[in-house]
Amino acid sequence: MTTTNTTSAKRCSGDSVGILITDSADRLLMVTRGWWPKGTAPVAGHVRDSHTSVAAALVAEVEEEVGLTVTGSCLLWEGHLPNLCASLPHQPRPGHVWTLARATATGTVRPAPGETKGARFYSRREVMLLASATLAHYRAGGTPATQPDASLEAVWLRLLHEAAYLPGLSAADLALAETAYSTPPGEYWRGGRP
């Protein structure tokens, strides 16, 4: 059953930016999320919650989540995905219009306490293992509410596939991921998260 605290819950803005930052060894910077949706994923955030543009959101989210300063970026992919987030679903079309970008950044990684449970660079093999853990969780009947931290946030299977970072995913893998990321959580956390 989905319970929603509508008195304090905020409606999703319906747009997100996802940022791929890699180091010199081609390892991908990812955070383990501090709240739902669960799992580990690259830096991301809503655009219109408190930002005036995609570019402003990209810079602010990198600074906020991992403490780095963006020095450059380029567009990788744009499109709508029906993924749900911690806010009430966007209306009239649930999900997010995603802007996926690659960025360069300087500084020392400093994960945001509360918003993340940590951040570090992951090798391509480690990213694939996290993706495999996500798929195994849902194939075994797992739910979004019980997805382990040591897995890839479900929507990122599709986003990293679009970015050619996970090219080996099958159509069945992507369909399973979509079922997971379009399933509402047991409760919406906006207003109740740390």
C-alpha atoms as a PDB file:
ATOM      1  CA  MET A   1       0.000   0.000   0.000  1.00  0.00           C
ATOM      2  CA  THR A   2       1.280   3.457  -0.832  1.00  0.00           C
ATOM      3  CA  THR A   3       0.871   6.032   1.891  1.00  0.00           C
ATOM      4  CA  THR A   4       1.403   9.665   1.217  1.00  0.00           C
ATOM      5  CA  ASN A   5       1.654  12.568   3.588  1.00  0.00           C
ATOM      6  CA  THR A   6      -0.029  15.123   1.337  1.00  0.00           C
ATOM      7  CA  THR A   7       0.145  17.914   3.895  1.00  0.00           C
ATOM      8  CA  SER A   8       3.938  18.123   3.711  1.00  0.00           C
ATOM      9  CA  ALA A   9       4.638  16.258   0.475  1.00  0.00           C
ATOM     10  CA  LYS A  10       5.985  18.251  -2.437  1.00  0.00           C
ATOM     11  CA  ARG A  11       5.106  17.525  -6.065  1.00  0.00           C
ATOM     12  CA  CYS A  12       8.014  16.579  -8.369  1.00  0.00           C
ATOM     13  CA  SER A  13       9.148  19.266 -10.800  1.00  0.00           C
ATOM     14  CA  GLY A  14       9.383  16.629 -13.554  1.00  0.00           C
ATOM     15  CA  ASP A  15      12.940  17.386 -14.665  1.00  0.00           C
ATOM     16  CA  SER A  16      16.330  16.101 -13.594  1.00  0.00           C
ATOM     17  CA  VAL A  17      19.967  16.441 -14.478  1.00  0.00           C
ATOM     18  CA  GLY A  18      22.367  13.507 -14.180  1.00  0.00           C
ATOM     19  CA  ILE A  19      26.105  14.112 -14.187  1.00  0.00           C
ATOM     20  CA  LEU A  20      28.836  11.651 -15.166  1.00  0.00           C
ATOM     21  CA  ILE A  21      32.234  12.562 -13.735  1.00  0.00           C
ATOM     22  CA  THR A  22      35.143  10.206 -14.329  1.00  0.00           C
ATOM     23  CA  ASP A  23      38.720  10.263 -13.106  1.00  0.00           C
ATOM     24  CA  SER A  24      41.914   9.644 -15.094  1.00  0.00           C
ATOM     25  CA  ALA A  25      41.399   5.866 -14.732  1.00  0.00           C
ATOM     26  CA  ASP A  26      37.880   6.137 -16.270  1.00  0.00           C
ATOM     27  CA  ARG A  27      36.262   5.376 -12.911  1.00  0.00           C
ATOM     28  CA  LEU A  28      32.793   6.877 -12.415  1.00  0.00           C
ATOM     29  CA  LEU A  29      32.015   9.080  -9.412  1.00  0.00           C
ATOM     30  CA  MET A  30      28.899   7.825  -7.641  1.00  0.00           C
ATOM     31  CA  VAL A  31      27.099   8.403  -4.366  1.00  0.00           C
ATOM     32  CA  THR A  32      25.161   5.974  -2.242  1.00  0.00           C
ATOM     33  CA  ARG A  33      21.829   7.704  -1.797  1.00  0.00           C
ATOM     34  CA  GLY A  34      20.698   8.819   1.641  1.00  0.00           C
ATOM     35  CA  TRP A  35      16.987   8.225   0.908  1.00  0.00           C
ATOM     36  CA  TRP A  36      14.613   6.717  -1.649  1.00  0.00           C
ATOM     37  CA  PRO A  37      15.103   5.798  -4.437  1.00  0.00           C
ATOM     38  CA  LYS A  38      17.681   3.468  -3.010  1.00  0.00           C
ATOM     39  CA  GLY A  39      21.013   2.382  -4.415  1.00  0.00           C
ATOM     40  CA  THR A  40      24.208   3.928  -5.696  1.00  0.00           C
ATOM     41  CA  ALA A  41      24.238   6.364  -8.610  1.00  0.00           C
ATOM     42  CA  PRO A  42      26.052   9.274 -10.228  1.00  0.00           C
ATOM     43  CA  VAL A  43      25.278  12.775  -8.994  1.00  0.00           C
ATOM     44  CA  ALA A  44      21.780  13.937  -9.976  1.00  0.00           C
ATOM     45  CA  GLY A  45      19.064  16.345  -8.950  1.00  0.00           C
ATOM     46  CA  HIS A  46      15.918  18.164  -9.926  1.00  0.00           C
ATOM     47  CA  VAL A  47      16.374  21.215 -12.110  1.00  0.00           C
ATOM     48  CA  ARG A  48      13.466  23.451 -11.148  1.00  0.00           C
ATOM     49  CA  ASP A  49      13.297  22.684  -7.422  1.00  0.00           C
ATOM     50  CA  SER A  50      15.705  25.492  -6.642  1.00  0.00           C
ATOM     51  CA  HIS A  51      17.681  26.124  -9.836  1.00  0.00           C
ATOM     52  CA  THR A  52      17.019  28.397 -12.790  1.00  0.00           C
ATOM     53  CA  SER A  53      18.501  26.178 -15.521  1.00  0.00           C
ATOM     54  CA  VAL A  54      20.003  22.781 -16.260  1.00  0.00           C
ATOM     55  CA  ALA A  55      23.494  24.310 -16.202  1.00  0.00           C
ATOM     56  CA  ALA A  56      22.871  25.897 -12.789  1.00  0.00           C
ATOM     57  CA  ALA A  57      21.467  22.627 -11.421  1.00  0.00           C
ATOM     58  CA  LEU A  58      24.446  20.657 -12.753  1.00  0.00           C
ATOM     59  CA  VAL A  59      26.969  22.926 -11.033  1.00  0.00           C
ATOM     60  CA  ALA A  60      24.978  23.158  -7.787  1.00  0.00           C
ATOM     61  CA  GLU A  61      24.243  19.428  -7.470  1.00  0.00           C
ATOM     62  CA  VAL A  62      27.908  18.473  -7.951  1.00  0.00           C
ATOM     63  CA  GLU A  63      28.948  21.011  -5.305  1.00  0.00           C
ATOM     64  CA  GLU A  64      26.146  19.971  -2.941  1.00  0.00           C
ATOM     65  CA  GLU A  65      26.461  16.175  -3.212  1.00  0.00           C
ATOM     66  CA  VAL A  66      30.221  15.668  -3.599  1.00  0.00           C
ATOM     67  CA  GLY A  67      31.899  19.039  -2.907  1.00  0.00           C
ATOM     68  CA  LEU A  68      33.527  19.404  -6.343  1.00  0.00           C
ATOM     69  CA  THR A  69      33.675  22.477  -8.592  1.00  0.00           C
ATOM     70  CA  VAL A  70      32.512  21.876 -12.172  1.00  0.00           C
ATOM     71  CA  THR A  71      34.992  23.112 -14.786  1.00  0.00           C
ATOM     72  CA  GLY A  72      33.180  21.973 -17.950  1.00  0.00           C
ATOM     73  CA  SER A  73      30.333  19.838 -19.248  1.00  0.00           C
ATOM     74  CA  CYS A  74      28.778  18.430 -22.404  1.00  0.00           C
ATOM     75  CA  LEU A  75      25.370  16.960 -23.203  1.00  0.00           C
ATOM     76  CA  LEU A  76      25.136  13.174 -23.619  1.00  0.00           C
ATOM     77  CA  TRP A  77      21.404  12.447 -23.814  1.00  0.00           C
ATOM     78  CA  GLU A  78      17.982  13.973 -23.211  1.00  0.00           C
ATOM     79  CA  GLY A  79      14.681  12.179 -22.852  1.00  0.00           C
ATOM     80  CA  HIS A  80      11.692  11.349 -20.661  1.00  0.00           C
ATOM     81  CA  LEU A  81      11.750   8.369 -18.315  1.00  0.00           C
ATOM     82  CA  PRO A  82       8.812   7.389 -16.084  1.00  0.00           C
ATOM     83  CA  ASN A  83      10.971   7.163 -12.958  1.00  0.00           C
ATOM     84  CA  LEU A  84       9.432   8.194  -9.658  1.00  0.00           C
ATOM     85  CA  CYS A  85      11.344  10.015  -6.943  1.00  0.00           C
ATOM     86  CA  ALA A  86      10.862  10.920  -3.278  1.00  0.00           C
ATOM     87  CA  SER A  87       8.328  13.625  -4.205  1.00  0.00           C
ATOM     88  CA  LEU A  88       4.755  13.088  -5.297  1.00  0.00           C
ATOM     89  CA  PRO A  89       4.726  12.261  -9.031  1.00  0.00           C
ATOM     90  CA  HIS A  90       4.877  15.061 -11.562  1.00  0.00           C
ATOM     91  CA  GLN A  91       1.564  15.843 -13.252  1.00  0.00           C
ATOM     92  CA  PRO A  92       0.171  15.277 -15.792  1.00  0.00           C
ATOM     93  CA  ARG A  93       2.976  12.923 -16.894  1.00  0.00           C
ATOM     94  CA  PRO A  94       4.763  11.109 -14.042  1.00  0.00           C
ATOM     95  CA  GLY A  95       8.516  10.815 -14.363  1.00  0.00           C
ATOM     96  CA  HIS A  96      11.334  13.101 -15.402  1.00  0.00           C
ATOM     97  CA  VAL A  97      12.682  14.763 -18.477  1.00  0.00           C
ATOM     98  CA  TRP A  98      16.349  13.893 -18.030  1.00  0.00           C
ATOM     99  CA  THR A  99      19.350  15.861 -19.181  1.00  0.00           C
ATOM    100  CA  LEU A 100      22.369  13.587 -18.949  1.00  0.00           C
ATOM    101  CA  ALA A 101      25.772  15.272 -19.105  1.00  0.00           C
ATOM    102  CA  ARG A 102      29.434  14.472 -18.762  1.00  0.00           C
ATOM    103  CA  ALA A 103      31.330  16.938 -16.587  1.00  0.00           C
ATOM    104  CA  THR A 104      34.850  17.700 -15.472  1.00  0.00           C
ATOM    105  CA  ALA A 105      35.448  18.937 -11.954  1.00  0.00           C
ATOM    106  CA  THR A 106      38.194  19.858  -9.523  1.00  0.00           C
ATOM    107  CA  GLY A 107      38.578  19.528  -5.780  1.00  0.00           C
ATOM    108  CA  THR A 108      38.418  16.776  -3.207  1.00  0.00           C
ATOM    109  CA  VAL A 109      35.380  14.515  -3.027  1.00  0.00           C
ATOM    110  CA  ARG A 110      33.405  15.379   0.105  1.00  0.00           C
ATOM    111  CA  PRO A 111      30.085  13.491   0.236  1.00  0.00           C
ATOM    112  CA  ALA A 112      27.152  15.428   1.710  1.00  0.00           C
ATOM    113  CA  PRO A 113      26.129  13.946   5.065  1.00  0.00           C
ATOM    114  CA  GLY A 114      22.462  12.970   5.166  1.00  0.00           C
ATOM    115  CA  GLU A 115      21.959  13.376   1.427  1.00  0.00           C
ATOM    116  CA  THR A 116      24.466  10.604   0.738  1.00  0.00           C
ATOM    117  CA  LYS A 117      25.863   7.640   2.631  1.00  0.00           C
ATOM    118  CA  GLY A 118      29.206   8.187   0.912  1.00  0.00           C
ATOM    119  CA  ALA A 119      30.795   8.806  -2.467  1.00  0.00           C
ATOM    120  CA  ARG A 120      33.706   7.375  -4.395  1.00  0.00           C
ATOM    121  CA  PHE A 121      34.950   6.483  -7.866  1.00  0.00           C
ATOM    122  CA  TYR A 122      33.841   3.084  -9.251  1.00  0.00           C
ATOM    123  CA  SER A 123      35.524   1.100 -12.020  1.00  0.00           C
ATOM    124  CA  ARG A 124      33.434  -0.047 -14.986  1.00  0.00           C
ATOM    125  CA  ARG A 125      33.552  -3.570 -13.555  1.00  0.00           C
ATOM    126  CA  GLU A 126      32.238  -2.318 -10.200  1.00  0.00           C
ATOM    127  CA  VAL A 127      29.445  -0.388 -11.934  1.00  0.00           C
ATOM    128  CA  MET A 128      28.466  -3.537 -13.838  1.00  0.00           C
ATOM    129  CA  LEU A 129      28.469  -5.537 -10.578  1.00  0.00           C
ATOM    130  CA  LEU A 130      26.147  -2.941  -9.009  1.00  0.00           C
ATOM    131  CA  ALA A 131      23.876  -3.161 -12.076  1.00  0.00           C
ATOM    132  CA  SER A 132      23.876  -6.962 -11.794  1.00  0.00           C
ATOM    133  CA  ALA A 133      22.939  -6.690  -8.094  1.00  0.00           C
ATOM    134  CA  THR A 134      19.977  -4.463  -9.026  1.00  0.00           C
ATOM    135  CA  LEU A 135      18.749  -6.887 -11.673  1.00  0.00           C
ATOM    136  CA  ALA A 136      19.191  -9.879  -9.326  1.00  0.00           C
ATOM    137  CA  HIS A 137      17.215  -8.071  -6.615  1.00  0.00           C
ATOM    138  CA  TYR A 138      14.224  -7.474  -8.888  1.00  0.00           C
ATOM    139  CA  ARG A 139      14.403 -10.898 -10.576  1.00  0.00           C
ATOM    140  CA  ALA A 140      14.148 -12.423  -7.089  1.00  0.00           C
ATOM    141  CA  GLY A 141      10.946 -10.452  -6.415  1.00  0.00           C
ATOM    142  CA  GLY A 142      12.570  -7.620  -4.482  1.00  0.00           C
ATOM    143  CA  THR A 143      10.850  -4.259  -4.170  1.00  0.00           C
ATOM    144  CA  PRO A 144      12.102  -0.682  -4.514  1.00  0.00           C
ATOM    145  CA  ALA A 145      11.753  -0.252  -0.746  1.00  0.00           C
ATOM    146  CA  THR A 146      14.119  -3.176  -0.088  1.00  0.00           C
ATOM    147  CA  GLN A 147      16.719  -2.469  -2.781  1.00  0.00           C
ATOM    148  CA  PRO A 148      20.180  -2.677  -1.190  1.00  0.00           C
ATOM    149  CA  ASP A 149      22.639   0.219  -1.107  1.00  0.00           C
ATOM    150  CA  ALA A 150      25.180  -2.035  -2.845  1.00  0.00           C
ATOM    151  CA  SER A 151      23.256  -1.888  -6.115  1.00  0.00           C
ATOM    152  CA  LEU A 152      22.725   0.630  -8.908  1.00  0.00           C
ATOM    153  CA  GLU A 153      19.696   2.911  -8.542  1.00  0.00           C
ATOM    154  CA  ALA A 154      17.289   1.363 -11.062  1.00  0.00           C
ATOM    155  CA  VAL A 155      16.858   4.382 -13.378  1.00  0.00           C
ATOM    156  CA  TRP A 156      20.626   4.544 -13.824  1.00  0.00           C
ATOM    157  CA  LEU A 157      20.641   1.206 -15.646  1.00  0.00           C
ATOM    158  CA  ARG A 158      18.788   3.007 -18.440  1.00  0.00           C
ATOM    159  CA  LEU A 159      20.720   6.281 -18.145  1.00  0.00           C
ATOM    160  CA  LEU A 160      24.137   4.590 -18.170  1.00  0.00           C
ATOM    161  CA  HIS A 161      22.984   2.438 -21.077  1.00  0.00           C
ATOM    162  CA  GLU A 162      22.045   5.617 -22.983  1.00  0.00           C
ATOM    163  CA  ALA A 163      25.492   7.041 -22.172  1.00  0.00           C
ATOM    164  CA  ALA A 164      27.151   3.853 -23.548  1.00  0.00           C
ATOM    165  CA  TYR A 165      28.588   3.171 -20.098  1.00  0.00           C
ATOM    166  CA  LEU A 166      26.555  -0.065 -19.730  1.00  0.00           C
ATOM    167  CA  PRO A 167      26.236  -1.187 -23.355  1.00  0.00           C
ATOM    168  CA  GLY A 168      25.687  -4.876 -22.565  1.00  0.00           C
ATOM    169  CA  LEU A 169      22.242  -4.555 -21.024  1.00  0.00           C
ATOM    170  CA  SER A 170      19.500  -6.431 -22.854  1.00  0.00           C
ATOM    171  CA  ALA A 171      16.001  -5.194 -23.668  1.00  0.00           C
ATOM    172  CA  ALA A 172      14.717  -7.502 -20.893  1.00  0.00           C
ATOM    173  CA  ASP A 173      17.180  -5.940 -18.403  1.00  0.00           C
ATOM    174  CA  LEU A 174      16.030  -2.441 -19.337  1.00  0.00           C
ATOM    175  CA  ALA A 175      12.347  -3.452 -19.093  1.00  0.00           C
ATOM    176  CA  LEU A 176      12.907  -4.918 -15.617  1.00  0.00           C
ATOM    177  CA  ALA A 177      14.700  -1.735 -14.542  1.00  0.00           C
ATOM    178  CA  GLU A 178      11.791   0.372 -15.846  1.00  0.00           C
ATOM    179  CA  THR A 179       9.307  -1.684 -13.859  1.00  0.00           C
ATOM    180  CA  ALA A 180      11.429  -1.030 -10.771  1.00  0.00           C
ATOM    181  CA  TYR A 181      11.891   2.706 -11.247  1.00  0.00           C
ATOM    182  CA  SER A 182       8.269   3.355 -12.152  1.00  0.00           C
ATOM    183  CA  THR A 183       6.945   1.524  -9.057  1.00  0.00           C
ATOM    184  CA  PRO A 184       5.955   3.856  -6.195  1.00  0.00           C
ATOM    185  CA  PRO A 185       7.747   3.461  -2.874  1.00  0.00           C
ATOM    186  CA  GLY A 186       5.886   2.238   0.203  1.00  0.00           C
ATOM    187  CA  GLU A 187       5.602   5.876   1.229  1.00  0.00           C
ATOM    188  CA  TYR A 188       6.794   9.195  -0.107  1.00  0.00           C
ATOM    189  CA  TRP A 189       9.594  10.675   1.966  1.00  0.00           C
ATOM    190  CA  ARG A 190       9.332  14.402   1.178  1.00  0.00           C
ATOM    191  CA  GLY A 191       8.732  16.128   4.502  1.00  0.00           C
ATOM    192  CA  GLY A 192       9.908  13.074   6.436  1.00  0.00           C
ATOM    193  CA  ARG A 193      13.422  12.555   5.160  1.00  0.00           C
ATOM    194  CA  PRO A 194      16.475  13.627   7.194  1.00  0.00           C
END
